[in-house]
Full PDB file with SEQRES, HELIX, SHEET, SSBOND, CRYST1, ORIGX, SCALE, CONECT and MASTER records, all heavy atoms in Angstrom:
SEQRES   1 A   39  HIS ALA PRO LEU GLY VAL TRP LEU VAL ARG GLY ASN TRP          
SEQRES   2 A   39  GLU ASN TRP HIS VAL LEU ASP GLY GLU PRO GLU PHE TYR          
SEQRES   3 A   39  ARG ARG ARG GLN VAL SER PHE LEU LEU ASN ARG GLY ALA          
HELIX    1 AA1 ASN A   12  TRP A   16  1                                   5    
HELIX    2 AA2 GLU A   22  ARG A   27  1                                   6    
SHEET    1 AA1 2 VAL A   6  LEU A   8  0                                        
SHEET    2 AA1 2 VAL A  31  PHE A  33  1                                        
CRYST1    1.000    1.000    1.000  90.00  90.00  90.00 P 1           1          
ORIGX1      1.000000  0.000000  0.000000        0.00000                         
ORIGX2      0.000000  1.000000  0.000000        0.00000                         
ORIGX3      0.000000  0.000000  1.000000        0.00000                         
SCALE1      1.000000  0.000000  0.000000        0.00000                         
SCALE2      0.000000  1.000000  0.000000        0.00000                         
SCALE3      0.000000  0.000000  1.000000        0.00000                         
ATOM      1  N   HIS A   1      84.711  11.974  70.679  1.00  0.00           N  
ATOM      2  CA  HIS A   1      84.621  11.791  72.130  1.00  0.00           C  
ATOM      3  C   HIS A   1      84.992  13.080  72.840  1.00  0.00           C  
ATOM      4  O   HIS A   1      85.836  13.877  72.303  1.00  0.00           O  
ATOM      5  CB  HIS A   1      85.567  10.709  72.593  1.00  0.00           C  
ATOM      6  CG  HIS A   1      86.995  10.893  72.174  1.00  0.00           C  
ATOM      7  ND1 HIS A   1      87.906  11.651  72.844  1.00  0.00           N  
ATOM      8  CD2 HIS A   1      87.677  10.456  71.064  1.00  0.00           C  
ATOM      9  CE1 HIS A   1      89.067  11.689  72.238  1.00  0.00           C  
ATOM     10  NE2 HIS A   1      88.983  10.939  71.113  1.00  0.00           N  
ATOM     11  N   ALA A   2      84.324  13.329  73.982  1.00  0.00           N  
ATOM     12  CA  ALA A   2      84.661  14.574  74.811  1.00  0.00           C  
ATOM     13  C   ALA A   2      84.115  14.174  76.197  1.00  0.00           C  
ATOM     14  O   ALA A   2      83.198  13.420  76.343  1.00  0.00           O  
ATOM     15  CB  ALA A   2      83.904  15.705  74.188  1.00  0.00           C  
ATOM     16  N   PRO A   3      84.704  14.785  77.231  1.00  0.00           N  
ATOM     17  CA  PRO A   3      84.311  14.439  78.613  1.00  0.00           C  
ATOM     18  C   PRO A   3      82.895  14.646  78.885  1.00  0.00           C  
ATOM     19  O   PRO A   3      82.253  13.864  79.658  1.00  0.00           O  
ATOM     20  CB  PRO A   3      85.186  15.423  79.468  1.00  0.00           C  
ATOM     21  CG  PRO A   3      86.381  15.722  78.575  1.00  0.00           C  
ATOM     22  CD  PRO A   3      85.884  15.727  77.189  1.00  0.00           C  
ATOM     23  N   LEU A   4      82.238  15.716  78.339  1.00  0.00           N  
ATOM     24  CA  LEU A   4      80.799  15.942  78.557  1.00  0.00           C  
ATOM     25  C   LEU A   4      79.928  15.403  77.418  1.00  0.00           C  
ATOM     26  O   LEU A   4      78.766  15.755  77.361  1.00  0.00           O  
ATOM     27  CB  LEU A   4      80.610  17.422  78.797  1.00  0.00           C  
ATOM     28  CG  LEU A   4      81.329  18.062  79.981  1.00  0.00           C  
ATOM     29  CD1 LEU A   4      81.042  19.579  80.076  1.00  0.00           C  
ATOM     30  CD2 LEU A   4      80.981  17.363  81.286  1.00  0.00           C  
ATOM     31  N   GLY A   5      80.523  14.689  76.539  1.00  0.00           N  
ATOM     32  CA  GLY A   5      79.735  13.918  75.518  1.00  0.00           C  
ATOM     33  C   GLY A   5      79.683  14.604  74.196  1.00  0.00           C  
ATOM     34  O   GLY A   5      80.248  15.709  73.970  1.00  0.00           O  
ATOM     35  N   VAL A   6      79.090  13.931  73.249  1.00  0.00           N  
ATOM     36  CA  VAL A   6      78.848  14.352  71.918  1.00  0.00           C  
ATOM     37  C   VAL A   6      77.357  14.511  71.749  1.00  0.00           C  
ATOM     38  O   VAL A   6      76.588  13.585  72.037  1.00  0.00           O  
ATOM     39  CB  VAL A   6      79.441  13.389  70.888  1.00  0.00           C  
ATOM     40  CG1 VAL A   6      79.179  13.876  69.432  1.00  0.00           C  
ATOM     41  CG2 VAL A   6      80.921  13.205  71.092  1.00  0.00           C  
ATOM     42  N   TRP A   7      76.832  15.580  71.314  1.00  0.00           N  
ATOM     43  CA  TRP A   7      75.440  15.884  71.197  1.00  0.00           C  
ATOM     44  C   TRP A   7      75.053  16.347  69.793  1.00  0.00           C  
ATOM     45  O   TRP A   7      75.824  17.124  69.169  1.00  0.00           O  
ATOM     46  CB  TRP A   7      75.044  17.010  72.208  1.00  0.00           C  
ATOM     47  CG  TRP A   7      75.444  16.666  73.600  1.00  0.00           C  
ATOM     48  CD1 TRP A   7      76.702  16.744  74.134  1.00  0.00           C  
ATOM     49  CD2 TRP A   7      74.649  16.124  74.594  1.00  0.00           C  
ATOM     50  NE1 TRP A   7      76.648  16.280  75.443  1.00  0.00           N  
ATOM     51  CE2 TRP A   7      75.374  15.923  75.770  1.00  0.00           C  
ATOM     52  CE3 TRP A   7      73.248  15.825  74.680  1.00  0.00           C  
ATOM     53  CZ2 TRP A   7      74.834  15.436  76.978  1.00  0.00           C  
ATOM     54  CZ3 TRP A   7      72.695  15.329  75.833  1.00  0.00           C  
ATOM     55  CH2 TRP A   7      73.495  15.145  76.993  1.00  0.00           C  
ATOM     56  N   LEU A   8      73.917  15.879  69.284  1.00  0.00           N  
ATOM     57  CA  LEU A   8      73.599  16.089  67.885  1.00  0.00           C  
ATOM     58  C   LEU A   8      72.122  16.414  67.707  1.00  0.00           C  
ATOM     59  O   LEU A   8      71.287  15.868  68.424  1.00  0.00           O  
ATOM     60  CB  LEU A   8      73.937  14.807  67.099  1.00  0.00           C  
ATOM     61  CG  LEU A   8      73.635  14.694  65.606  1.00  0.00           C  
ATOM     62  CD1 LEU A   8      74.699  13.938  64.874  1.00  0.00           C  
ATOM     63  CD2 LEU A   8      72.268  14.088  65.391  1.00  0.00           C  
ATOM     64  N   VAL A   9      71.822  17.337  66.777  1.00  0.00           N  
ATOM     65  CA  VAL A   9      70.485  17.626  66.411  1.00  0.00           C  
ATOM     66  C   VAL A   9      70.360  17.353  64.822  1.00  0.00           C  
ATOM     67  O   VAL A   9      71.240  17.272  64.122  1.00  0.00           O  
ATOM     68  CB  VAL A   9      70.056  19.074  66.745  1.00  0.00           C  
ATOM     69  CG1 VAL A   9      70.144  19.273  68.204  1.00  0.00           C  
ATOM     70  CG2 VAL A   9      70.902  20.074  65.979  1.00  0.00           C  
ATOM     71  N   ARG A  10      69.065  17.310  64.409  1.00  0.00           N  
ATOM     72  CA  ARG A  10      68.780  17.102  62.999  1.00  0.00           C  
ATOM     73  C   ARG A  10      69.042  18.341  62.198  1.00  0.00           C  
ATOM     74  O   ARG A  10      68.814  19.491  62.619  1.00  0.00           O  
ATOM     75  CB  ARG A  10      67.348  16.667  62.794  1.00  0.00           C  
ATOM     76  CG  ARG A  10      66.980  15.255  63.049  1.00  0.00           C  
ATOM     77  CD  ARG A  10      65.471  15.084  62.769  1.00  0.00           C  
ATOM     78  NE  ARG A  10      64.978  13.785  63.111  1.00  0.00           N  
ATOM     79  CZ  ARG A  10      63.662  13.506  63.115  1.00  0.00           C  
ATOM     80  NH1 ARG A  10      62.817  14.410  62.738  1.00  0.00           N  
ATOM     81  NH2 ARG A  10      63.260  12.305  63.397  1.00  0.00           N  
ATOM     82  N   GLY A  11      69.372  18.158  60.956  1.00  0.00           N  
ATOM     83  CA  GLY A  11      69.337  19.152  59.916  1.00  0.00           C  
ATOM     84  C   GLY A  11      68.405  18.818  58.854  1.00  0.00           C  
ATOM     85  O   GLY A  11      67.526  17.912  59.070  1.00  0.00           O  
ATOM     86  N   ASN A  12      68.432  19.503  57.715  1.00  0.00           N  
ATOM     87  CA  ASN A  12      67.503  19.181  56.681  1.00  0.00           C  
ATOM     88  C   ASN A  12      67.662  17.755  56.112  1.00  0.00           C  
ATOM     89  O   ASN A  12      66.679  17.003  55.808  1.00  0.00           O  
ATOM     90  CB  ASN A  12      67.440  20.175  55.545  1.00  0.00           C  
ATOM     91  CG  ASN A  12      68.805  20.482  55.031  1.00  0.00           C  
ATOM     92  OD1 ASN A  12      69.599  21.237  55.693  1.00  0.00           O  
ATOM     93  ND2 ASN A  12      69.193  20.021  53.814  1.00  0.00           N  
ATOM     94  N   TRP A  13      68.892  17.301  55.999  1.00  0.00           N  
ATOM     95  CA  TRP A  13      69.153  15.987  55.400  1.00  0.00           C  
ATOM     96  C   TRP A  13      68.619  14.883  56.294  1.00  0.00           C  
ATOM     97  O   TRP A  13      68.096  13.887  55.822  1.00  0.00           O  
ATOM     98  CB  TRP A  13      70.675  15.771  55.101  1.00  0.00           C  
ATOM     99  CG  TRP A  13      70.997  16.535  53.796  1.00  0.00           C  
ATOM    100  CD1 TRP A  13      71.598  17.789  53.700  1.00  0.00           C  
ATOM    101  CD2 TRP A  13      70.822  16.067  52.535  1.00  0.00           C  
ATOM    102  NE1 TRP A  13      71.771  18.084  52.406  1.00  0.00           N  
ATOM    103  CE2 TRP A  13      71.331  17.043  51.680  1.00  0.00           C  
ATOM    104  CE3 TRP A  13      70.348  14.844  51.950  1.00  0.00           C  
ATOM    105  CZ2 TRP A  13      71.300  16.928  50.217  1.00  0.00           C  
ATOM    106  CZ3 TRP A  13      70.380  14.697  50.553  1.00  0.00           C  
ATOM    107  CH2 TRP A  13      70.839  15.753  49.681  1.00  0.00           C  
ATOM    108  N   GLU A  14      68.771  15.032  57.653  1.00  0.00           N  
ATOM    109  CA  GLU A  14      68.197  14.044  58.523  1.00  0.00           C  
ATOM    110  C   GLU A  14      66.682  14.019  58.492  1.00  0.00           C  
ATOM    111  O   GLU A  14      66.063  13.001  58.597  1.00  0.00           O  
ATOM    112  CB  GLU A  14      68.650  14.304  59.962  1.00  0.00           C  
ATOM    113  CG  GLU A  14      70.117  13.908  60.221  1.00  0.00           C  
ATOM    114  CD  GLU A  14      71.079  15.041  59.850  1.00  0.00           C  
ATOM    115  OE1 GLU A  14      70.629  16.155  59.476  1.00  0.00           O  
ATOM    116  OE2 GLU A  14      72.296  14.819  59.971  1.00  0.00           O  
ATOM    117  N   ASN A  15      66.068  15.203  58.225  1.00  0.00           N  
ATOM    118  CA  ASN A  15      64.612  15.238  58.070  1.00  0.00           C  
ATOM    119  C   ASN A  15      64.170  14.639  56.746  1.00  0.00           C  
ATOM    120  O   ASN A  15      63.074  14.107  56.669  1.00  0.00           O  
ATOM    121  CB  ASN A  15      64.108  16.669  58.239  1.00  0.00           C  
ATOM    122  CG  ASN A  15      63.938  17.152  59.686  1.00  0.00           C  
ATOM    123  OD1 ASN A  15      62.990  16.598  60.356  1.00  0.00           O  
ATOM    124  ND2 ASN A  15      64.809  17.943  60.198  1.00  0.00           N  
ATOM    125  N   TRP A  16      65.012  14.770  55.755  1.00  0.00           N  
ATOM    126  CA  TRP A  16      64.680  14.180  54.449  1.00  0.00           C  
ATOM    127  C   TRP A  16      64.857  12.670  54.436  1.00  0.00           C  
ATOM    128  O   TRP A  16      64.315  11.860  53.652  1.00  0.00           O  
ATOM    129  CB  TRP A  16      65.460  14.749  53.345  1.00  0.00           C  
ATOM    130  CG  TRP A  16      65.142  16.217  53.055  1.00  0.00           C  
ATOM    131  CD1 TRP A  16      63.990  16.864  53.360  1.00  0.00           C  
ATOM    132  CD2 TRP A  16      66.027  17.175  52.422  1.00  0.00           C  
ATOM    133  NE1 TRP A  16      64.124  18.179  52.903  1.00  0.00           N  
ATOM    134  CE2 TRP A  16      65.312  18.413  52.341  1.00  0.00           C  
ATOM    135  CE3 TRP A  16      67.287  17.133  51.878  1.00  0.00           C  
ATOM    136  CZ2 TRP A  16      65.838  19.536  51.743  1.00  0.00           C  
ATOM    137  CZ3 TRP A  16      67.842  18.249  51.283  1.00  0.00           C  
ATOM    138  CH2 TRP A  16      67.139  19.429  51.246  1.00  0.00           C  
ATOM    139  N   HIS A  17      65.687  12.132  55.350  1.00  0.00           N  
ATOM    140  CA  HIS A  17      65.974  10.737  55.385  1.00  0.00           C  
ATOM    141  C   HIS A  17      65.912  10.266  56.875  1.00  0.00           C  
ATOM    142  O   HIS A  17      66.905   9.806  57.479  1.00  0.00           O  
ATOM    143  CB  HIS A  17      67.427  10.474  54.895  1.00  0.00           C  
ATOM    144  CG  HIS A  17      67.678  10.892  53.438  1.00  0.00           C  
ATOM    145  ND1 HIS A  17      67.365  10.134  52.415  1.00  0.00           N  
ATOM    146  CD2 HIS A  17      68.211  12.044  52.967  1.00  0.00           C  
ATOM    147  CE1 HIS A  17      67.747  10.754  51.286  1.00  0.00           C  
ATOM    148  NE2 HIS A  17      68.214  11.889  51.572  1.00  0.00           N  
ATOM    149  N   VAL A  18      64.705  10.340  57.423  1.00  0.00           N  
ATOM    150  CA  VAL A  18      64.550  10.001  58.842  1.00  0.00           C  
ATOM    151  C   VAL A  18      64.768   8.464  58.948  1.00  0.00           C  
ATOM    152  O   VAL A  18      64.202   7.647  58.213  1.00  0.00           O  
ATOM    153  CB  VAL A  18      63.096  10.301  59.335  1.00  0.00           C  
ATOM    154  CG1 VAL A  18      62.870   9.801  60.704  1.00  0.00           C  
ATOM    155  CG2 VAL A  18      62.873  11.786  59.192  1.00  0.00           C  
ATOM    156  N   LEU A  19      65.604   8.162  59.937  1.00  0.00           N  
ATOM    157  CA  LEU A  19      66.024   6.765  60.155  1.00  0.00           C  
ATOM    158  C   LEU A  19      65.150   6.080  61.193  1.00  0.00           C  
ATOM    159  O   LEU A  19      64.871   6.659  62.253  1.00  0.00           O  
ATOM    160  CB  LEU A  19      67.467   6.780  60.653  1.00  0.00           C  
ATOM    161  CG  LEU A  19      68.143   5.419  60.938  1.00  0.00           C  
ATOM    162  CD1 LEU A  19      68.317   4.652  59.659  1.00  0.00           C  
ATOM    163  CD2 LEU A  19      69.471   5.616  61.708  1.00  0.00           C  
ATOM    164  N   ASP A  20      64.682   4.885  60.843  1.00  0.00           N  
ATOM    165  CA  ASP A  20      63.939   4.079  61.877  1.00  0.00           C  
ATOM    166  C   ASP A  20      64.935   3.711  62.978  1.00  0.00           C  
ATOM    167  O   ASP A  20      66.075   3.357  62.759  1.00  0.00           O  
ATOM    168  CB  ASP A  20      63.433   2.748  61.244  1.00  0.00           C  
ATOM    169  CG  ASP A  20      62.239   3.015  60.327  1.00  0.00           C  
ATOM    170  OD1 ASP A  20      61.599   4.048  60.501  1.00  0.00           O  
ATOM    171  OD2 ASP A  20      61.990   2.127  59.397  1.00  0.00           O  
ATOM    172  N   GLY A  21      64.517   3.859  64.208  1.00  0.00           N  
ATOM    173  CA  GLY A  21      65.434   3.626  65.333  1.00  0.00           C  
ATOM    174  C   GLY A  21      66.485   4.614  65.472  1.00  0.00           C  
ATOM    175  O   GLY A  21      67.638   4.370  65.907  1.00  0.00           O  
ATOM    176  N   GLU A  22      66.204   5.886  65.111  1.00  0.00           N  
ATOM    177  CA  GLU A  22      67.130   7.027  65.080  1.00  0.00           C  
ATOM    178  C   GLU A  22      67.826   7.183  66.451  1.00  0.00           C  
ATOM    179  O   GLU A  22      69.075   7.179  66.422  1.00  0.00           O  
ATOM    180  CB  GLU A  22      66.414   8.309  64.744  1.00  0.00           C  
ATOM    181  CG  GLU A  22      67.341   9.487  64.413  1.00  0.00           C  
ATOM    182  CD  GLU A  22      66.517  10.639  63.944  1.00  0.00           C  
ATOM    183  OE1 GLU A  22      65.268  10.707  64.165  1.00  0.00           O  
ATOM    184  OE2 GLU A  22      67.091  11.517  63.300  1.00  0.00           O  
ATOM    185  N   PRO A  23      67.107   7.265  67.544  1.00  0.00           N  
ATOM    186  CA  PRO A  23      67.830   7.479  68.896  1.00  0.00           C  
ATOM    187  C   PRO A  23      68.810   6.296  69.221  1.00  0.00           C  
ATOM    188  O   PRO A  23      69.899   6.573  69.693  1.00  0.00           O  
ATOM    189  CB  PRO A  23      66.730   7.516  69.892  1.00  0.00           C  
ATOM    190  CG  PRO A  23      65.518   7.997  69.103  1.00  0.00           C  
ATOM    191  CD  PRO A  23      65.647   7.281  67.751  1.00  0.00           C  
ATOM    192  N   GLU A  24      68.404   5.064  68.894  1.00  0.00           N  
ATOM    193  CA  GLU A  24      69.242   3.926  69.159  1.00  0.00           C  
ATOM    194  C   GLU A  24      70.519   3.940  68.276  1.00  0.00           C  
ATOM    195  O   GLU A  24      71.655   3.572  68.742  1.00  0.00           O  
ATOM    196  CB  GLU A  24      68.484   2.646  68.960  1.00  0.00           C  
ATOM    197  CG  GLU A  24      69.288   1.315  69.035  1.00  0.00           C  
ATOM    198  CD  GLU A  24      69.843   1.164  70.453  1.00  0.00           C  
ATOM    199  OE1 GLU A  24      69.393   1.816  71.416  1.00  0.00           O  
ATOM    200  OE2 GLU A  24      70.775   0.331  70.601  1.00  0.00           O  
ATOM    201  N   PHE A  25      70.354   4.396  67.038  1.00  0.00           N  
ATOM    202  CA  PHE A  25      71.491   4.485  66.162  1.00  0.00           C  
ATOM    203  C   PHE A  25      72.561   5.373  66.723  1.00  0.00           C  
ATOM    204  O   PHE A  25      73.748   5.024  66.756  1.00  0.00           O  
ATOM    205  CB  PHE A  25      71.050   5.024  64.749  1.00  0.00           C  
ATOM    206  CG  PHE A  25      72.216   5.412  63.874  1.00  0.00           C  
ATOM    207  CD1 PHE A  25      72.848   4.500  63.080  1.00  0.00           C  
ATOM    208  CD2 PHE A  25      72.630   6.734  63.836  1.00  0.00           C  
ATOM    209  CE1 PHE A  25      73.890   4.837  62.283  1.00  0.00           C  
ATOM    210  CE2 PHE A  25      73.733   7.084  62.984  1.00  0.00           C  
ATOM    211  CZ  PHE A  25      74.343   6.173  62.195  1.00  0.00           C  
ATOM    212  N   TYR A  26      72.192   6.494  67.292  1.00  0.00           N  
ATOM    213  CA  TYR A  26      73.116   7.424  67.890  1.00  0.00           C  
ATOM    214  C   TYR A  26      73.648   6.850  69.180  1.00  0.00           C  
ATOM    215  O   TYR A  26      74.866   7.097  69.521  1.00  0.00           O  
ATOM    216  CB  TYR A  26      72.491   8.844  67.984  1.00  0.00           C  
ATOM    217  CG  TYR A  26      72.250   9.501  66.704  1.00  0.00           C  
ATOM    218  CD1 TYR A  26      70.944   9.813  66.274  1.00  0.00           C  
ATOM    219  CD2 TYR A  26      73.280   9.829  65.897  1.00  0.00           C  
ATOM    220  CE1 TYR A  26      70.674  10.455  65.139  1.00  0.00           C  
ATOM    221  CE2 TYR A  26      73.063  10.436  64.635  1.00  0.00           C  
ATOM    222  CZ  TYR A  26      71.756  10.738  64.223  1.00  0.00           C  
ATOM    223  OH  TYR A  26      71.506  11.372  63.038  1.00  0.00           O  
ATOM    224  N   ARG A  27      72.789   6.321  69.994  1.00  0.00           N  
ATOM    225  CA  ARG A  27      73.216   5.771  71.281  1.00  0.00           C  
ATOM    226  C   ARG A  27      74.268   4.780  71.136  1.00  0.00           C  
ATOM    227  O   ARG A  27      75.242   4.831  71.925  1.00  0.00           O  
ATOM    228  CB  ARG A  27      72.012   5.173  72.006  1.00  0.00           C  
ATOM    229  CG  ARG A  27      72.323   4.799  73.496  1.00  0.00           C  
ATOM    230  CD  ARG A  27      71.153   3.970  74.095  1.00  0.00           C  
ATOM    231  NE  ARG A  27      71.070   2.712  73.435  1.00  0.00           N  
ATOM    232  CZ  ARG A  27      71.894   1.667  73.689  1.00  0.00           C  
ATOM    233  NH1 ARG A  27      72.969   1.807  74.540  1.00  0.00           N  
ATOM    234  NH2 ARG A  27      71.788   0.528  73.069  1.00  0.00           N  
ATOM    235  N   ARG A  28      74.229   3.872  70.112  1.00  0.00           N  
ATOM    236  CA  ARG A  28      75.277   2.924  69.946  1.00  0.00           C  
ATOM    237  C   ARG A  28      76.627   3.517  69.632  1.00  0.00           C  
ATOM    238  O   ARG A  28      77.626   2.884  69.803  1.00  0.00           O  
ATOM    239  CB  ARG A  28      74.833   1.937  68.787  1.00  0.00           C  
ATOM    240  CG  ARG A  28      73.675   1.027  69.138  1.00  0.00           C  
ATOM    241  CD  ARG A  28      73.647  -0.190  68.280  1.00  0.00           C  
ATOM    242  NE  ARG A  28      73.748   0.072  66.834  1.00  0.00           N  
ATOM    243  CZ  ARG A  28      72.668   0.314  66.020  1.00  0.00           C  
ATOM    244  NH1 ARG A  28      71.514   0.272  66.539  1.00  0.00           N  
ATOM    245  NH2 ARG A  28      72.834   0.624  64.782  1.00  0.00           N  
ATOM    246  N   ARG A  29      76.596   4.755  69.084  1.00  0.00           N  
ATOM    247  CA  ARG A  29      77.853   5.469  68.757  1.00  0.00           C  
ATOM    248  C   ARG A  29      78.306   6.444  69.873  1.00  0.00           C  
ATOM    249  O   ARG A  29      79.098   7.302  69.661  1.00  0.00           O  
ATOM    250  CB  ARG A  29      77.719   6.210  67.409  1.00  0.00           C  
ATOM    251  CG  ARG A  29      77.989   5.298  66.225  1.00  0.00           C  
ATOM    252  CD  ARG A  29      76.695   4.923  65.568  1.00  0.00           C  
ATOM    253  NE  ARG A  29      76.994   4.025  64.437  1.00  0.00           N  
ATOM    254  CZ  ARG A  29      76.064   3.060  64.132  1.00  0.00           C  
ATOM    255  NH1 ARG A  29      74.925   2.916  64.706  1.00  0.00           N  
ATOM    256  NH2 ARG A  29      76.322   2.288  63.125  1.00  0.00           N  
ATOM    257  N   GLN A  30      77.592   6.253  71.028  1.00  0.00           N  
ATOM    258  CA  GLN A  30      77.935   7.180  72.158  1.00  0.00           C  
ATOM    259  C   GLN A  30      77.641   8.608  71.902  1.00  0.00           C  
ATOM    260  O   GLN A  30      78.387   9.553  72.328  1.00  0.00           O  
ATOM    261  CB  GLN A  30      79.434   7.062  72.521  1.00  0.00           C  
ATOM    262  CG  GLN A  30      79.893   5.625  72.782  1.00  0.00           C  
ATOM    263  CD  GLN A  30      79.330   4.976  74.054  1.00  0.00           C  
ATOM    264  OE1 GLN A  30      79.355   5.596  75.086  1.00  0.00           O  
ATOM    265  NE2 GLN A  30      78.733   3.788  73.920  1.00  0.00           N  
ATOM    266  N   VAL A  31      76.568   8.900  71.048  1.00  0.00           N  
ATOM    267  CA  VAL A  31      76.104  10.238  70.726  1.00  0.00           C  
ATOM    268  C   VAL A  31      74.811  10.479  71.315  1.00  0.00           C  
ATOM    269  O   VAL A  31      73.885   9.592  71.118  1.00  0.00           O  
ATOM    270  CB  VAL A  31      76.157  10.415  69.170  1.00  0.00           C  
ATOM    271  CG1 VAL A  31      75.518  11.782  68.851  1.00  0.00           C  
ATOM    272  CG2 VAL A  31      77.576  10.305  68.619  1.00  0.00           C  
ATOM    273  N   SER A  32      74.596  11.579  71.955  1.00  0.00           N  
ATOM    274  CA  SER A  32      73.264  11.947  72.500  1.00  0.00           C  
ATOM    275  C   SER A  32      72.488  12.744  71.468  1.00  0.00           C  
ATOM    276  O   SER A  32      72.885  13.738  71.035  1.00  0.00           O  
ATOM    277  CB  SER A  32      73.454  12.778  73.797  1.00  0.00           C  
ATOM    278  OG  SER A  32      74.184  11.971  74.776  1.00  0.00           O  
ATOM    279  N   PHE A  33      71.325  12.179  71.188  1.00  0.00           N  
ATOM    280  CA  PHE A  33      70.467  12.794  70.144  1.00  0.00           C  
ATOM    281  C   PHE A  33      69.386  13.667  70.815  1.00  0.00           C  
ATOM    282  O   PHE A  33      68.647  13.271  71.733  1.00  0.00           O  
ATOM    283  CB  PHE A  33      69.789  11.707  69.324  1.00  0.00           C  
ATOM    284  CG  PHE A  33      68.808  12.191  68.315  1.00  0.00           C  
ATOM    285  CD1 PHE A  33      69.084  13.122  67.402  1.00  0.00           C  
ATOM    286  CD2 PHE A  33      67.480  11.583  68.294  1.00  0.00           C  
ATOM    287  CE1 PHE A  33      68.210  13.571  66.427  1.00  0.00           C  
ATOM    288  CE2 PHE A  33      66.571  11.964  67.358  1.00  0.00           C  
ATOM    289  CZ  PHE A  33      66.903  12.941  66.451  1.00  0.00           C  
ATOM    290  N   LEU A  34      69.294  14.970  70.466  1.00  0.00           N  
ATOM    291  CA  LEU A  34      68.353  15.861  71.068  1.00  0.00           C  
ATOM    292  C   LEU A  34      67.377  16.257  69.988  1.00  0.00           C  
ATOM    293  O   LEU A  34      67.690  16.925  69.012  1.00  0.00           O  
ATOM    294  CB  LEU A  34      69.087  17.089  71.560  1.00  0.00           C  
ATOM    295  CG  LEU A  34      70.013  16.889  72.712  1.00  0.00           C  
ATOM    296  CD1 LEU A  34      70.777  18.208  73.062  1.00  0.00           C  
ATOM    297  CD2 LEU A  34      69.341  16.325  73.935  1.00  0.00           C  
ATOM    298  N   LEU A  35      66.146  15.912  70.191  1.00  0.00           N  
ATOM    299  CA  LEU A  35      64.992  16.305  69.292  1.00  0.00           C  
ATOM    300  C   LEU A  35      64.008  17.024  70.103  1.00  0.00           C  
ATOM    301  O   LEU A  35      63.111  16.475  70.771  1.00  0.00           O  
ATOM    302  CB  LEU A  35      64.413  15.056  68.646  1.00  0.00           C  
ATOM    303  CG  LEU A  35      63.368  15.275  67.558  1.00  0.00           C  
ATOM    304  CD1 LEU A  35      63.908  16.079  66.416  1.00  0.00           C  
ATOM    305  CD2 LEU A  35      62.741  13.934  67.117  1.00  0.00           C  
ATOM    306  N   ASN A  36      64.136  18.426  70.032  1.00  0.00           N  
ATOM    307  CA  ASN A  36      63.177  19.268  70.844  1.00  0.00           C  
ATOM    308  C   ASN A  36      63.153  18.852  72.337  1.00  0.00           C  
ATOM    309  O   ASN A  36      62.133  18.752  72.953  1.00  0.00           O  
ATOM    310  CB  ASN A  36      61.783  19.117  70.252  1.00  0.00           C  
ATOM    311  CG  ASN A  36      61.725  19.675  68.875  1.00  0.00           C  
ATOM    312  OD1 ASN A  36      62.377  20.702  68.467  1.00  0.00           O  
ATOM    313  ND2 ASN A  36      60.928  19.020  68.024  1.00  0.00           N  
ATOM    314  N   ARG A  37      64.357  18.786  72.858  1.00  0.00           N  
ATOM    315  CA  ARG A  37      64.486  18.550  74.283  1.00  0.00           C  
ATOM    316  C   ARG A  37      65.815  19.139  74.818  1.00  0.00           C  
ATOM    317  O   ARG A  37      66.731  19.380  74.037  1.00  0.00           O  
ATOM    318  CB  ARG A  37      64.443  17.072  74.641  1.00  0.00           C  
ATOM    319  CG  ARG A  37      65.592  16.190  74.200  1.00  0.00           C  
ATOM    320  CD  ARG A  37      65.365  14.747  74.532  1.00  0.00           C  
ATOM    321  NE  ARG A  37      66.477  13.878  74.149  1.00  0.00           N  
ATOM    322  CZ  ARG A  37      67.462  13.586  74.941  1.00  0.00           C  
ATOM    323  NH1 ARG A  37      67.499  14.032  76.173  1.00  0.00           N  
ATOM    324  NH2 ARG A  37      68.452  12.803  74.496  1.00  0.00           N  
ATOM    325  N   GLY A  38      65.814  19.313  76.118  1.00  0.00           N  
ATOM    326  CA  GLY A  38      66.953  19.938  76.764  1.00  0.00           C  
ATOM    327  C   GLY A  38      67.719  18.856  77.599  1.00  0.00           C  
ATOM    328  O   GLY A  38      67.127  17.837  78.012  1.00  0.00           O  
ATOM    329  N   ALA A  39      68.982  19.108  77.861  1.00  0.00           N  
ATOM    330  CA  ALA A  39      69.801  18.221  78.684  1.00  0.00           C  
ATOM    331  C   ALA A  39      70.807  19.043  79.438  1.00  0.00           C  
ATOM    332  O   ALA A  39      71.452  19.932  78.792  1.00  0.00           O  
ATOM    333  CB  ALA A  39      70.446  17.142  77.810  1.00  0.00           C  
TER     334      ALA A  39                                                      
MASTER        0    0    0    2    2    0    0    6  333    1    0    3          
END                                                                             
């Protein structure tokens, strides 16, 4: 946790094991997932 949030991008292991519903998985953990986008 942090006041301005927790932000995450993929590495090679996430690309090798792409998760169905990936954005929702992170959202449920209060993590913002960035995939080729800015915030």
